[in-house]
Amino acid sequence: MRHELAIQGLLAPSLLLCMATGLILWTLIDRALTGADLWRWFWRPPLARLALLAALVAAVALMAPDF
């Protein structure tokens, strides 16, 4: 991902799209885990949520084609 995205004439890094996609996926997974009350099994749930977000953004960035 070496290029910028032109959004309404504003140049944004392509990682911004990966971050937005990862954030949407994170929200869906977080709601599912919260509904099932699975966050209580983690020692530090906020740290686990941050790690989940980082892993999702990295996975989306690795699967994204080279712009």
Protein backbone atom coordinates (compact mmCIF):
# COMPACT_ATOMS: atom_id res chain seq x y z
CA MET A 1 0.00 0.00 0.00
CA ARG A 2 2.07 2.82 -1.31
CA HIS A 3 -0.47 5.22 -2.68
CA GLU A 4 -2.89 7.76 -1.35
CA LEU A 5 -6.65 7.69 -1.80
CA ALA A 6 -8.37 10.76 -3.21
CA ILE A 7 -11.52 11.40 -1.18
CA GLN A 8 -13.34 14.55 -2.28
CA GLY A 9 -10.02 16.03 -3.37
CA LEU A 10 -8.36 15.22 -0.05
CA LEU A 11 -5.45 12.81 -0.18
CA ALA A 12 -5.57 10.21 2.57
CA PRO A 13 -3.19 7.32 3.19
CA SER A 14 -4.48 3.94 2.05
CA LEU A 15 -4.01 2.63 5.58
CA LEU A 16 -6.97 4.84 6.55
CA LEU A 17 -9.29 2.55 4.57
CA CYS A 18 -7.77 -0.50 6.27
CA MET A 19 -8.25 1.14 9.68
CA ALA A 20 -11.88 1.94 8.94
CA THR A 21 -12.55 -1.62 7.78
CA GLY A 22 -10.80 -3.05 10.83
CA LEU A 23 -12.79 -0.76 13.11
CA ILE A 24 -16.08 -1.94 11.62
CA LEU A 25 -15.06 -5.59 12.05
CA TRP A 26 -13.85 -4.85 15.59
CA THR A 27 -17.19 -3.28 16.49
CA LEU A 28 -19.10 -6.34 15.30
CA ILE A 29 -16.83 -8.78 17.13
CA ASP A 30 -16.77 -6.63 20.28
CA ARG A 31 -20.55 -6.50 20.42
CA ALA A 32 -20.75 -10.27 19.98
CA LEU A 33 -18.21 -10.90 22.74
CA THR A 34 -19.90 -8.39 25.03
CA GLY A 35 -23.29 -9.99 24.43
CA ALA A 36 -21.90 -13.43 25.27
CA ASP A 37 -20.07 -11.96 28.30
CA LEU A 38 -16.76 -13.42 27.16
CA TRP A 39 -14.66 -10.36 28.03
CA ARG A 40 -14.75 -11.38 31.68
CA TRP A 41 -12.28 -14.20 30.92
CA PHE A 42 -9.53 -11.70 30.08
CA TRP A 43 -7.22 -10.28 32.71
CA ARG A 44 -7.38 -6.79 31.18
CA PRO A 45 -10.35 -6.49 28.80
CA PRO A 46 -9.34 -3.05 27.44
CA LEU A 47 -5.91 -4.40 26.53
CA ALA A 48 -7.50 -7.42 24.85
CA ARG A 49 -9.81 -5.12 22.89
CA LEU A 50 -6.84 -3.04 21.72
CA ALA A 51 -4.95 -6.18 20.69
CA LEU A 52 -8.00 -7.40 18.77
CA LEU A 53 -8.23 -4.09 16.92
CA ALA A 54 -4.52 -4.16 16.06
CA ALA A 55 -4.77 -7.74 14.80
CA LEU A 56 -7.82 -6.96 12.65
CA VAL A 57 -6.23 -3.86 11.09
CA ALA A 58 -3.04 -5.82 10.37
CA ALA A 59 -5.04 -8.67 8.81
CA VAL A 60 -7.02 -6.27 6.60
CA ALA A 61 -3.82 -4.49 5.55
CA LEU A 62 -2.14 -7.77 4.65
CA MET A 63 -5.13 -8.94 2.62
CA ALA A 64 -5.56 -5.62 0.80
CA PRO A 65 -4.19 -5.50 -2.73
CA ASP A 66 -1.29 -3.21 -3.47
CA PHE A 67 -2.94 0.06 -4.47
